Amino acid sequence: MNDKITLLRDYLPGTLVEIKDVYGILSKGIHELSEEECLQYFDAMKNGIELIQDDKLEQKRKEQKRKATLESVSKIKEKVK
Protein backbone atom coordinates (compact mmCIF):
# COMPACT_ATOMS: atom_id res chain seq x y z
CA MET A 1 0.00 0.00 0.00
CA ASN A 2 2.90 2.37 0.68
CA ASP A 3 3.93 2.07 -2.97
CA LYS A 4 0.41 2.95 -4.13
CA ILE A 5 0.32 5.98 -1.85
CA THR A 6 3.71 7.08 -3.21
CA LEU A 7 2.48 6.70 -6.80
CA LEU A 8 -0.63 8.76 -6.03
CA ARG A 9 1.16 11.40 -3.95
CA ASP A 10 0.14 14.22 -6.31
CA TYR A 11 -3.55 13.41 -5.77
CA LEU A 12 -3.55 12.66 -2.04
CA PRO A 13 -3.37 14.95 0.98
CA GLY A 14 0.23 15.74 1.87
CA THR A 15 -0.15 14.42 5.39
CA LEU A 16 -1.34 11.04 4.12
CA VAL A 17 1.76 10.77 1.95
CA GLU A 18 3.95 11.93 4.83
CA ILE A 19 2.54 9.42 7.32
CA LYS A 20 1.61 6.63 4.92
CA ASP A 21 2.67 4.04 7.49
CA VAL A 22 -0.59 4.74 9.37
CA TYR A 23 -2.46 2.54 6.88
CA GLY A 24 -0.20 -0.45 7.51
CA ILE A 25 -0.34 0.00 11.26
CA LEU A 26 -4.14 0.20 11.22
CA SER A 27 -4.35 -2.88 9.01
CA LYS A 28 -2.06 -4.82 11.31
CA GLY A 29 -4.12 -3.65 14.28
CA ILE A 30 -7.29 -5.04 12.75
CA HIS A 31 -5.77 -8.37 11.81
CA GLU A 32 -2.98 -9.14 14.26
CA LEU A 33 -2.54 -6.86 17.27
CA SER A 34 -4.11 -7.44 20.67
CA GLU A 35 -6.66 -5.04 22.08
CA GLU A 36 -4.05 -3.85 24.57
CA GLU A 37 -1.58 -3.04 21.77
CA CYS A 38 -4.26 -1.25 19.79
CA LEU A 39 -5.16 0.87 22.80
CA GLN A 40 -1.50 1.69 23.27
CA TYR A 41 -1.29 3.05 19.68
CA PHE A 42 -4.75 4.60 19.57
CA ASP A 43 -3.84 8.25 20.23
CA ALA A 44 -1.12 8.35 17.58
CA MET A 45 -3.37 6.68 14.98
CA LYS A 46 -6.29 8.96 15.85
CA ASN A 47 -4.07 12.02 15.48
CA GLY A 48 -2.81 10.75 12.13
CA ILE A 49 -6.34 10.23 10.84
CA GLU A 50 -7.37 13.68 12.08
CA LEU A 51 -4.38 15.31 10.36
CA ILE A 52 -5.28 13.63 7.07
CA GLN A 53 -8.89 14.76 7.50
CA ASP A 54 -7.72 18.32 8.30
CA ASP A 55 -5.77 18.37 5.03
CA LYS A 56 -8.83 17.24 3.07
CA LEU A 57 -11.04 19.86 4.75
CA GLU A 58 -8.49 22.60 4.10
CA GLN A 59 -8.24 21.54 0.46
CA LYS A 60 -12.04 21.68 0.14
CA ARG A 61 -12.18 25.10 1.85
CA LYS A 62 -9.56 26.50 -0.53
CA GLU A 63 -11.41 25.15 -3.56
CA GLN A 64 -14.67 26.73 -2.38
CA LYS A 65 -12.88 30.04 -1.80
CA ARG A 66 -11.27 29.85 -5.25
CA LYS A 67 -14.63 29.20 -6.94
CA ALA A 68 -16.35 32.01 -5.03
CA THR A 69 -13.55 34.42 -5.95
CA LEU A 70 -13.69 33.49 -9.64
CA GLU A 71 -17.47 34.02 -9.67
CA SER A 72 -17.14 37.38 -7.90
CA VAL A 73 -14.41 38.59 -10.24
CA SER A 74 -16.47 37.53 -13.24
CA LYS A 75 -19.51 39.48 -11.99
CA ILE A 76 -17.38 42.53 -11.24
CA LYS A 77 -15.80 42.34 -14.69
CA GLU A 78 -19.27 42.42 -16.32
CA LYS A 79 -20.28 45.49 -14.30
CA VAL A 80 -17.01 47.34 -14.88
CA LYS A 81 -17.13 46.98 -18.68
PDB file of N, CA and C in Angstrom:
ATOM      1  N   MET A   1       0.817  -1.193   0.000  1.00  0.00           N
ATOM      2  CA  MET A   1       0.000   0.000   0.000  1.00  0.00           C
ATOM      3  C   MET A   1       0.867   1.266   0.000  1.00  0.00           C
ATOM      4  N   ASN A   2       2.009   1.198   0.669  1.00  0.00           N
ATOM      5  CA  ASN A   2       2.898   2.366   0.681  1.00  0.00           C
ATOM      6  C   ASN A   2       3.319   2.765  -0.732  1.00  0.00           C
ATOM      7  N   ASP A   3       3.554   1.773  -1.579  1.00  0.00           N
ATOM      8  CA  ASP A   3       3.926   2.065  -2.971  1.00  0.00           C
ATOM      9  C   ASP A   3       2.795   2.767  -3.706  1.00  0.00           C
ATOM     10  N   LYS A   4       1.565   2.321  -3.481  1.00  0.00           N
ATOM     11  CA  LYS A   4       0.407   2.949  -4.130  1.00  0.00           C
ATOM     12  C   LYS A   4       0.244   4.394  -3.666  1.00  0.00           C
ATOM     13  N   ILE A   5       0.420   4.615  -2.378  1.00  0.00           N
ATOM     14  CA  ILE A   5       0.323   5.983  -1.846  1.00  0.00           C
ATOM     15  C   ILE A   5       1.407   6.852  -2.471  1.00  0.00           C
ATOM     16  N   THR A   6       2.607   6.323  -2.592  1.00  0.00           N
ATOM     17  CA  THR A   6       3.706   7.075  -3.208  1.00  0.00           C
ATOM     18  C   THR A   6       3.377   7.416  -4.661  1.00  0.00           C
ATOM     19  N   LEU A   7       2.842   6.458  -5.399  1.00  0.00           N
ATOM     20  CA  LEU A   7       2.480   6.705  -6.799  1.00  0.00           C
ATOM     21  C   LEU A   7       1.392   7.770  -6.938  1.00  0.00           C
ATOM     22  N   LEU A   8       0.493   7.833  -5.967  1.00  0.00           N
ATOM     23  CA  LEU A   8      -0.634   8.765  -6.031  1.00  0.00           C
ATOM     24  C   LEU A   8      -0.391  10.039  -5.224  1.00  0.00           C
ATOM     25  N   ARG A   9       0.845  10.288  -4.837  1.00  0.00           N
ATOM     26  CA  ARG A   9       1.155  11.404  -3.949  1.00  0.00           C
ATOM     27  C   ARG A   9       0.669  12.755  -4.456  1.00  0.00           C
ATOM     28  N   ASP A  10       0.585  12.934  -5.763  1.00  0.00           N
ATOM     29  CA  ASP A  10       0.140  14.216  -6.314  1.00  0.00           C
ATOM     30  C   ASP A  10      -1.366  14.411  -6.167  1.00  0.00           C
ATOM     31  N   TYR A  11      -2.093  13.356  -5.859  1.00  0.00           N
ATOM     32  CA  TYR A  11      -3.553  13.410  -5.769  1.00  0.00           C
ATOM     33  C   TYR A  11      -4.061  13.236  -4.343  1.00  0.00           C
ATOM     34  N   LEU A  12      -3.171  12.936  -3.427  1.00  0.00           N
ATOM     35  CA  LEU A  12      -3.552  12.665  -2.044  1.00  0.00           C
ATOM     36  C   LEU A  12      -3.130  13.806  -1.131  1.00  0.00           C
ATOM     37  N   PRO A  13      -3.790  13.930   0.017  1.00  0.00           N
ATOM     38  CA  PRO A  13      -3.369  14.952   0.981  1.00  0.00           C
ATOM     39  C   PRO A  13      -1.913  14.732   1.393  1.00  0.00           C
ATOM     40  N   GLY A  14      -1.186  15.817   1.530  1.00  0.00           N
ATOM     41  CA  GLY A  14       0.230  15.744   1.872  1.00  0.00           C
ATOM     42  C   GLY A  14       0.503  14.960   3.148  1.00  0.00           C
ATOM     43  N   THR A  15      -0.356  15.130   4.134  1.00  0.00           N
ATOM     44  CA  THR A  15      -0.154  14.424   5.393  1.00  0.00           C
ATOM     45  C   THR A  15      -0.276  12.922   5.208  1.00  0.00           C
ATOM     46  N   LEU A  16      -1.197  12.473   4.370  1.00  0.00           N
ATOM     47  CA  LEU A  16      -1.341  11.040   4.116  1.00  0.00           C
ATOM     48  C   LEU A  16      -0.065  10.478   3.512  1.00  0.00           C
ATOM     49  N   VAL A  17       0.507  11.214   2.583  1.00  0.00           N
ATOM     50  CA  VAL A  17       1.756  10.768   1.948  1.00  0.00           C
ATOM     51  C   VAL A  17       2.886  10.762   2.982  1.00  0.00           C
ATOM     52  N   GLU A  18       2.897  11.784   3.822  1.00  0.00           N
ATOM     53  CA  GLU A  18       3.949  11.931   4.825  1.00  0.00           C
ATOM     54  C   GLU A  18       3.891  10.826   5.887  1.00  0.00           C
ATOM     55  N   ILE A  19       2.689  10.441   6.276  1.00  0.00           N
ATOM     56  CA  ILE A  19       2.542   9.418   7.317  1.00  0.00           C
ATOM     57  C   ILE A  19       1.835   8.179   6.765  1.00  0.00           C
ATOM     58  N   LYS A  20       2.252   7.753   5.600  1.00  0.00           N
ATOM     59  CA  LYS A  20       1.607   6.628   4.917  1.00  0.00           C
ATOM     60  C   LYS A  20       1.667   5.336   5.717  1.00  0.00           C
ATOM     61  N   ASP A  21       2.563   5.239   6.675  1.00  0.00           N
ATOM     62  CA  ASP A  21       2.669   4.036   7.494  1.00  0.00           C
ATOM     63  C   ASP A  21       1.435   3.826   8.372  1.00  0.00           C
ATOM     64  N   VAL A  22       0.634   4.865   8.570  1.00  0.00           N
ATOM     65  CA  VAL A  22      -0.590   4.738   9.373  1.00  0.00           C
ATOM     66  C   VAL A  22      -1.471   3.629   8.812  1.00  0.00           C
ATOM     67  N   TYR A  23      -1.607   3.558   7.495  1.00  0.00           N
ATOM     68  CA  TYR A  23      -2.459   2.540   6.878  1.00  0.00           C
ATOM     69  C   TYR A  23      -2.002   1.133   7.277  1.00  0.00           C
ATOM     70  N   GLY A  24      -0.724   0.871   7.172  1.00  0.00           N
ATOM     71  CA  GLY A  24      -0.200  -0.445   7.511  1.00  0.00           C
ATOM     72  C   GLY A  24      -0.378  -0.786   8.984  1.00  0.00           C
ATOM     73  N   ILE A  25      -0.172   0.211   9.823  1.00  0.00           N
ATOM     74  CA  ILE A  25      -0.336  -0.005  11.260  1.00  0.00           C
ATOM     75  C   ILE A  25      -1.792  -0.312  11.582  1.00  0.00           C
ATOM     76  N   LEU A  26      -2.714   0.448  10.981  1.00  0.00           N
ATOM     77  CA  LEU A  26      -4.141   0.197  11.221  1.00  0.00           C
ATOM     78  C   LEU A  26      -4.547  -1.184  10.717  1.00  0.00           C
ATOM     79  N   SER A  27      -4.043  -1.565   9.566  1.00  0.00           N
ATOM     80  CA  SER A  27      -4.353  -2.875   9.014  1.00  0.00           C
ATOM     81  C   SER A  27      -3.843  -3.989   9.933  1.00  0.00           C
ATOM     82  N   LYS A  28      -2.628  -3.824  10.404  1.00  0.00           N
ATOM     83  CA  LYS A  28      -2.059  -4.823  11.313  1.00  0.00           C
ATOM     84  C   LYS A  28      -2.859  -4.869  12.611  1.00  0.00           C
ATOM     85  N   GLY A  29      -3.313  -3.710  13.063  1.00  0.00           N
ATOM     86  CA  GLY A  29      -4.122  -3.650  14.281  1.00  0.00           C
ATOM     87  C   GLY A  29      -5.418  -4.421  14.138  1.00  0.00           C
ATOM     88  N   ILE A  30      -6.034  -4.326  12.994  1.00  0.00           N
ATOM     89  CA  ILE A  30      -7.286  -5.035  12.747  1.00  0.00           C
ATOM     90  C   ILE A  30      -7.057  -6.534  12.706  1.00  0.00           C
ATOM     91  N   HIS A  31      -5.975  -6.951  12.092  1.00  0.00           N
ATOM     92  CA  HIS A  31      -5.767  -8.370  11.815  1.00  0.00           C
ATOM     93  C   HIS A  31      -4.885  -9.119  12.813  1.00  0.00           C
ATOM     94  N   GLU A  32      -3.977  -8.405  13.487  1.00  0.00           N
ATOM     95  CA  GLU A  32      -2.976  -9.137  14.260  1.00  0.00           C
ATOM     96  C   GLU A  32      -2.767  -8.663  15.697  1.00  0.00           C
ATOM     97  N   LEU A  33      -2.907  -7.379  15.962  1.00  0.00           N
ATOM     98  CA  LEU A  33      -2.541  -6.864  17.274  1.00  0.00           C
ATOM     99  C   LEU A  33      -3.613  -7.142  18.321  1.00  0.00           C
ATOM    100  N   SER A  34      -3.174  -7.232  19.563  1.00  0.00           N
ATOM    101  CA  SER A  34      -4.111  -7.435  20.667  1.00  0.00           C
ATOM    102  C   SER A  34      -4.841  -6.119  20.956  1.00  0.00           C
ATOM    103  N   GLU A  35      -5.906  -6.243  21.706  1.00  0.00           N
ATOM    104  CA  GLU A  35      -6.659  -5.038  22.076  1.00  0.00           C
ATOM    105  C   GLU A  35      -5.773  -4.100  22.888  1.00  0.00           C
ATOM    106  N   GLU A  36      -4.959  -4.651  23.753  1.00  0.00           N
ATOM    107  CA  GLU A  36      -4.049  -3.846  24.568  1.00  0.00           C
ATOM    108  C   GLU A  36      -3.066  -3.060  23.689  1.00  0.00           C
ATOM    109  N   GLU A  37      -2.500  -3.719  22.680  1.00  0.00           N
ATOM    110  CA  GLU A  37      -1.578  -3.045  21.774  1.00  0.00           C
ATOM    111  C   GLU A  37      -2.295  -1.950  20.992  1.00  0.00           C
ATOM    112  N   CYS A  38      -3.490  -2.249  20.535  1.00  0.00           N
ATOM    113  CA  CYS A  38      -4.264  -1.247  19.785  1.00  0.00           C
ATOM    114  C   CYS A  38      -4.545  -0.022  20.646  1.00  0.00           C
ATOM    115  N   LEU A  39      -4.907  -0.251  21.898  1.00  0.00           N
ATOM    116  CA  LEU A  39      -5.160   0.872  22.801  1.00  0.00           C
ATOM    117  C   LEU A  39      -3.896   1.689  23.041  1.00  0.00           C
ATOM    118  N   GLN A  40      -2.775   1.018  23.070  1.00  0.00           N
ATOM    119  CA  GLN A  40      -1.495   1.692  23.268  1.00  0.00           C
ATOM    120  C   GLN A  40      -1.192   2.640  22.100  1.00  0.00           C
ATOM    121  N   TYR A  41      -1.583   2.263  20.888  1.00  0.00           N
ATOM    122  CA  TYR A  41      -1.291   3.047  19.683  1.00  0.00           C
ATOM    123  C   TYR A  41      -2.432   3.960  19.265  1.00  0.00           C
ATOM    124  N   PHE A  42      -3.536   3.899  19.976  1.00  0.00           N
ATOM    125  CA  PHE A  42      -4.748   4.601  19.570  1.00  0.00           C
ATOM    126  C   PHE A  42      -4.550   6.095  19.355  1.00  0.00           C
ATOM    127  N   ASP A  43      -3.969   6.785  20.332  1.00  0.00           N
ATOM    128  CA  ASP A  43      -3.840   8.248  20.229  1.00  0.00           C
ATOM    129  C   ASP A  43      -3.037   8.687  19.002  1.00  0.00           C
ATOM    130  N   ALA A  44      -1.935   7.993  18.741  1.00  0.00           N
ATOM    131  CA  ALA A  44      -1.115   8.351  17.579  1.00  0.00           C
ATOM    132  C   ALA A  44      -1.883   8.108  16.286  1.00  0.00           C
ATOM    133  N   MET A  45      -2.604   6.989  16.199  1.00  0.00           N
ATOM    134  CA  MET A  45      -3.369   6.681  14.984  1.00  0.00           C
ATOM    135  C   MET A  45      -4.516   7.660  14.804  1.00  0.00           C
ATOM    136  N   LYS A  46      -5.191   7.985  15.904  1.00  0.00           N
ATOM    137  CA  LYS A  46      -6.290   8.960  15.855  1.00  0.00           C
ATOM    138  C   LYS A  46      -5.778  10.310  15.361  1.00  0.00           C
ATOM    139  N   ASN A  47      -4.653  10.749  15.910  1.00  0.00           N
ATOM    140  CA  ASN A  47      -4.072  12.025  15.479  1.00  0.00           C
ATOM    141  C   ASN A  47      -3.699  11.986  13.998  1.00  0.00           C
ATOM    142  N   GLY A  48      -3.149  10.877  13.544  1.00  0.00           N
ATOM    143  CA  GLY A  48      -2.811  10.748  12.132  1.00  0.00           C
ATOM    144  C   GLY A  48      -4.030  10.861  11.241  1.00  0.00           C
ATOM    145  N   ILE A  49      -5.095  10.173  11.617  1.00  0.00           N
ATOM    146  CA  ILE A  49      -6.340  10.226  10.844  1.00  0.00           C
ATOM    147  C   ILE A  49      -6.894  11.651  10.840  1.00  0.00           C
ATOM    148  N   GLU A  50      -6.865  12.308  11.997  1.00  0.00           N
ATOM    149  CA  GLU A  50      -7.368  13.685  12.083  1.00  0.00           C
ATOM    150  C   GLU A  50      -6.535  14.634  11.230  1.00  0.00           C
ATOM    151  N   LEU A  51      -5.228  14.449  11.189  1.00  0.00           N
ATOM    152  CA  LEU A  51      -4.377  15.310  10.357  1.00  0.00           C
ATOM    153  C   LEU A  51      -4.694  15.134   8.872  1.00  0.00           C
ATOM    154  N   ILE A  52      -4.917  13.897   8.463  1.00  0.00           N
ATOM    155  CA  ILE A  52      -5.279  13.626   7.070  1.00  0.00           C
ATOM    156  C   ILE A  52      -6.616  14.283   6.757  1.00  0.00           C
ATOM    157  N   GLN A  53      -7.567  14.146   7.675  1.00  0.00           N
ATOM    158  CA  GLN A  53      -8.888  14.764   7.496  1.00  0.00           C
ATOM    159  C   GLN A  53      -8.765  16.289   7.448  1.00  0.00           C
ATOM    160  N   ASP A  54      -7.936  16.858   8.305  1.00  0.00           N
ATOM    161  CA  ASP A  54      -7.723  18.316   8.297  1.00  0.00           C
ATOM    162  C   ASP A  54      -7.213  18.785   6.941  1.00  0.00           C
ATOM    163  N   ASP A  55      -6.282  18.026   6.357  1.00  0.00           N
ATOM    164  CA  ASP A  55      -5.769  18.371   5.030  1.00  0.00           C
ATOM    165  C   ASP A  55      -6.890  18.376   3.993  1.00  0.00           C
ATOM    166  N   LYS A  56      -7.724  17.336   4.028  1.00  0.00           N
ATOM    167  CA  LYS A  56      -8.828  17.242   3.068  1.00  0.00           C
ATOM    168  C   LYS A  56      -9.807  18.407   3.252  1.00  0.00           C
ATOM    169  N   LEU A  57     -10.124  18.751   4.484  1.00  0.00           N
ATOM    170  CA  LEU A  57     -11.039  19.862   4.746  1.00  0.00           C
ATOM    171  C   LEU A  57     -10.447  21.191   4.294  1.00  0.00           C
ATOM    172  N   GLU A  58      -9.164  21.380   4.527  1.00  0.00           N
ATOM    173  CA  GLU A  58      -8.493  22.603   4.096  1.00  0.00           C
ATOM    174  C   GLU A  58      -8.484  22.704   2.578  1.00  0.00           C
ATOM    175  N   GLN A  59      -8.232  21.589   1.927  1.00  0.00           N
ATOM    176  CA  GLN A  59      -8.240  21.545   0.459  1.00  0.00           C
ATOM    177  C   GLN A  59      -9.636  21.916  -0.069  1.00  0.00           C
ATOM    178  N   LYS A  60     -10.665  21.390   0.548  1.00  0.00           N
ATOM    179  CA  LYS A  60     -12.039  21.683   0.143  1.00  0.00           C
ATOM    180  C   LYS A  60     -12.369  23.159   0.379  1.00  0.00           C
ATOM    181  N   ARG A  61     -11.938  23.697   1.535  1.00  0.00           N
ATOM    182  CA  ARG A  61     -12.184  25.105   1.850  1.00  0.00           C
ATOM    183  C   ARG A  61     -11.508  26.017   0.829  1.00  0.00           C
ATOM    184  N   LYS A  62     -10.279  25.691   0.458  1.00  0.00           N
ATOM    185  CA  LYS A  62      -9.561  26.502  -0.529  1.00  0.00           C
ATOM    186  C   LYS A  62     -10.248  26.457  -1.890  1.00  0.00           C
ATOM    187  N   GLU A  63     -10.726  25.286  -2.280  1.00  0.00           N
ATOM    188  CA  GLU A  63     -11.415  25.154  -3.563  1.00  0.00           C
ATOM    189  C   GLU A  63     -12.715  25.965  -3.576  1.00  0.00           C
ATOM    190  N   GLN A  64     -13.451  25.938  -2.471  1.00  0.00           N
ATOM    191  CA  GLN A  64     -14.668  26.734  -2.383  1.00  0.00           C
ATOM    192  C   GLN A  64     -14.348  28.228  -2.452  1.00  0.00           C
ATOM    193  N   LYS A  65     -13.299  28.638  -1.782  1.00  0.00           N
ATOM    194  CA  LYS A  65     -12.884  30.043  -1.805  1.00  0.00           C
ATOM    195  C   LYS A  65     -12.450  30.454  -3.206  1.00  0.00           C
ATOM    196  N   ARG A  66     -11.724  29.570  -3.885  1.00  0.00           N
ATOM    197  CA  ARG A  66     -11.274  29.847  -5.249  1.00  0.00           C
ATOM    198  C   ARG A  66     -12.469  30.027  -6.176  1.00  0.00           C
ATOM    199  N   LYS A  67     -13.443  29.119  -6.098  1.00  0.00           N
ATOM    200  CA  LYS A  67     -14.630  29.202  -6.944  1.00  0.00           C
ATOM    201  C   LYS A  67     -15.422  30.478  -6.670  1.00  0.00           C
ATOM    202  N   ALA A  68     -15.606  30.799  -5.396  1.00  0.00           N
ATOM    203  CA  ALA A  68     -16.346  32.008  -5.032  1.00  0.00           C
ATOM    204  C   ALA A  68     -15.633  33.254  -5.555  1.00  0.00           C
ATOM    205  N   THR A  69     -14.322  33.272  -5.470  1.00  0.00           N
ATOM    206  CA  THR A  69     -13.547  34.423  -5.953  1.00  0.00           C
ATOM    207  C   THR A  69     -13.667  34.556  -7.463  1.00  0.00           C
ATOM    208  N   LEU A  70     -13.561  33.445  -8.187  1.00  0.00           N
ATOM    209  CA  LEU A  70     -13.694  33.490  -9.644  1.00  0.00           C
ATOM    210  C   LEU A  70     -15.070  34.005 -10.055  1.00  0.00           C
ATOM    211  N   GLU A  71     -16.108  33.548  -9.367  1.00  0.00           N
ATOM    212  CA  GLU A  71     -17.466  34.018  -9.674  1.00  0.00           C
ATOM    213  C   GLU A  71     -17.594  35.508  -9.400  1.00  0.00           C
ATOM    214  N   SER A  72     -17.070  35.962  -8.257  1.00  0.00           N
ATOM    215  CA  SER A  72     -17.140  37.380  -7.905  1.00  0.00           C
ATOM    216  C   SER A  72     -16.396  38.247  -8.903  1.00  0.00           C
ATOM    217  N   VAL A  73     -15.204  37.826  -9.276  1.00  0.00           N
ATOM    218  CA  VAL A  73     -14.410  38.595 -10.236  1.00  0.00           C
ATOM    219  C   VAL A  73     -15.129  38.652 -11.575  1.00  0.00           C
ATOM    220  N   SER A  74     -15.737  37.561 -11.979  1.00  0.00           N
ATOM    221  CA  SER A  74     -16.467  37.530 -13.243  1.00  0.00           C
ATOM    222  C   SER A  74     -17.643  38.509 -13.217  1.00  0.00           C
ATOM    223  N   LYS A  75     -18.373  38.555 -12.123  1.00  0.00           N
ATOM    224  CA  LYS A  75     -19.509  39.481 -11.990  1.00  0.00           C
ATOM    225  C   LYS A  75     -19.030  40.933 -11.991  1.00  0.00           C
ATOM    226  N   ILE A  76     -17.927  41.172 -11.290  1.00  0.00           N
ATOM    227  CA  ILE A  76     -17.378  42.534 -11.240  1.00  0.00           C
ATOM    228  C   ILE A  76     -16.928  42.937 -12.644  1.00  0.00           C
ATOM    229  N   LYS A  77     -16.295  42.048 -13.346  1.00  0.00           N
ATOM    230  CA  LYS A  77     -15.804  42.337 -14.692  1.00  0.00           C
ATOM    231  C   LYS A  77     -16.968  42.754 -15.602  1.00  0.00           C
ATOM    232  N   GLU A  78     -18.084  42.083 -15.488  1.00  0.00           N
ATOM    233  CA  GLU A  78     -19.267  42.423 -16.317  1.00  0.00           C
ATOM    234  C   GLU A  78     -19.796  43.811 -15.976  1.00  0.00           C
ATOM    235  N   LYS A  79     -19.778  44.183 -14.707  1.00  0.00           N
ATOM    236  CA  LYS A  79     -20.284  45.490 -14.296  1.00  0.00           C
ATOM    237  C   LYS A  79     -19.316  46.620 -14.655  1.00  0.00           C
ATOM    238  N   VAL A  80     -18.028  46.324 -14.642  1.00  0.00           N
ATOM    239  CA  VAL A  80     -17.013  47.342 -14.881  1.00  0.00           C
ATOM    240  C   VAL A  80     -16.865  47.669 -16.368  1.00  0.00           C
ATOM    241  N   LYS A  81     -17.272  46.763 -17.224  1.00  0.00           N
ATOM    242  CA  LYS A  81     -17.127  46.975 -18.684  1.00  0.00           C
ATOM    243  C   LYS A  81     -17.662  48.287 -19.126  1.00  0.00           C
TER     244      LYS A  81
END
